[in-house]
Protein backbone atom coordinates (compact mmCIF):
# COMPACT_ATOMS: atom_id res chain seq x y z
CA UNK A 1 -114.82 -127.49 71.86
CA UNK A 2 -117.86 -125.47 70.80
CA UNK A 3 -117.29 -122.24 68.88
CA UNK A 4 -118.50 -119.78 71.60
CA UNK A 5 -116.36 -121.52 74.24
CA UNK A 6 -113.40 -121.57 71.87
CA UNK A 7 -113.82 -117.85 71.12
CA UNK A 8 -113.97 -117.12 74.84
CA UNK A 9 -110.76 -119.04 75.43
CA UNK A 10 -108.96 -117.17 72.64
CA UNK A 11 -110.27 -113.87 74.03
CA UNK A 12 -109.06 -114.67 77.56
CA UNK A 13 -105.61 -115.64 76.30
CA UNK A 14 -105.35 -112.47 74.22
CA UNK A 15 -106.49 -110.29 77.14
CA UNK A 16 -103.92 -111.90 79.42
CA UNK A 17 -101.14 -111.27 76.91
CA UNK A 18 -102.23 -107.65 76.37
CA UNK A 19 -102.14 -107.14 80.14
CA UNK A 20 -98.67 -108.66 80.29
CA UNK A 21 -97.54 -106.48 77.39
CA UNK A 22 -98.88 -103.31 79.02
CA UNK A 23 -97.11 -104.15 82.28
CA UNK A 24 -93.83 -104.91 80.51
CA UNK A 25 -93.97 -101.72 78.39
CA UNK A 26 -94.32 -99.76 81.61
CA UNK A 27 -91.41 -101.62 83.19
CA UNK A 28 -89.13 -101.09 80.16
CA UNK A 29 -90.10 -97.41 79.90
CA UNK A 30 -89.54 -96.77 83.60
CA UNK A 31 -86.10 -98.36 83.44
CA UNK A 32 -85.25 -96.41 80.26
CA UNK A 33 -86.30 -93.17 81.97
CA UNK A 34 -83.94 -93.95 84.87
CA UNK A 35 -81.10 -94.47 82.41
CA UNK A 36 -82.01 -91.56 80.10
CA UNK A 37 -84.40 -89.01 81.61
CA UNK A 38 -86.77 -87.54 79.05
CA UNK A 39 -86.66 -90.51 76.70
CA UNK A 40 -89.91 -91.17 74.84
CA UNK A 41 -91.61 -94.39 73.74
CA UNK A 42 -90.67 -93.53 70.18
CA UNK A 43 -87.02 -93.07 71.22
CA UNK A 44 -87.00 -96.57 72.70
CA UNK A 45 -87.74 -98.01 69.25
CA UNK A 46 -84.18 -97.00 68.32
CA UNK A 47 -82.16 -97.87 71.42
CA UNK A 48 -78.90 -97.83 69.45
CA UNK A 49 -79.30 -94.03 69.21
CA UNK A 50 -79.00 -93.75 72.99
CA UNK A 51 -75.77 -95.03 74.56
CA UNK A 52 -77.45 -94.86 77.98
CA UNK A 53 -79.65 -97.80 76.93
CA UNK A 54 -76.62 -100.03 76.43
CA UNK A 55 -77.55 -101.52 79.79
CA UNK A 56 -77.87 -105.28 80.39
CA UNK A 57 -80.95 -104.91 82.61
CA UNK A 58 -82.73 -102.73 80.06
CA UNK A 59 -81.92 -105.13 77.22
CA UNK A 60 -83.16 -108.05 79.31
CA UNK A 61 -86.50 -106.37 80.05
CA UNK A 62 -86.83 -105.20 76.44
CA UNK A 63 -86.19 -108.78 75.32
CA UNK A 64 -89.00 -110.01 77.56
CA UNK A 65 -91.29 -107.38 76.01
CA UNK A 66 -90.32 -108.56 72.53
CA UNK A 67 -91.10 -112.14 73.52
CA UNK A 68 -94.54 -111.20 74.86
CA UNK A 69 -95.30 -109.23 71.70
CA UNK A 70 -94.20 -112.17 69.55
CA UNK A 71 -96.48 -114.56 71.42
CA UNK A 72 -99.37 -112.08 71.21
CA UNK A 73 -98.87 -111.80 67.46
CA UNK A 74 -98.75 -115.60 67.08
CA UNK A 75 -101.91 -116.05 69.17
CA UNK A 76 -103.77 -113.46 67.10
CA UNK A 77 -102.66 -115.13 63.87
CA UNK A 78 -103.66 -118.58 65.12
CA UNK A 79 -107.02 -117.28 66.30
CA UNK A 80 -107.61 -115.69 62.89
CA UNK A 81 -106.59 -118.92 61.11
CA UNK A 82 -108.87 -120.98 63.34
CA UNK A 83 -111.77 -118.60 62.72
CA UNK A 84 -111.24 -118.74 58.93
CA UNK A 85 -110.95 -122.54 58.98
CA UNK A 86 -114.19 -122.75 60.93
CA UNK A 87 -115.95 -120.36 58.53
CA UNK A 88 -114.70 -122.34 55.52
CA UNK A 89 -115.86 -125.62 57.06
CA UNK A 90 -119.30 -124.13 57.77
CA UNK A 91 -119.57 -122.80 54.21
CA UNK A 92 -118.55 -126.19 52.80
CA UNK A 93 -121.15 -127.96 54.94
CA UNK A 94 -123.86 -125.54 53.82
CA UNK A 95 -123.04 -125.98 50.14
CA UNK A 96 -122.82 -129.79 50.32
CA UNK A 97 -125.72 -131.64 48.65
């Protein structure tokens, strides 16, 4: 796969995951607000502080969000590793006699 096409593919995957993350954050926050009106995004980082969030549906949706964020992080790391490997290979080719 050529580098520009590969970069485009990585970009499309990352954009899709960011869209999924944004949607899931909204879903988790909306559900949290139903369970505990007035809760903030920061509050949701410490759900154990809010007994109202001891809800199976909320934990399920929060788990999905965590999964999406984990995949997004892995994709970004892989993309960065691929980019660095490509740059190193190019530098090695340029310095070869």
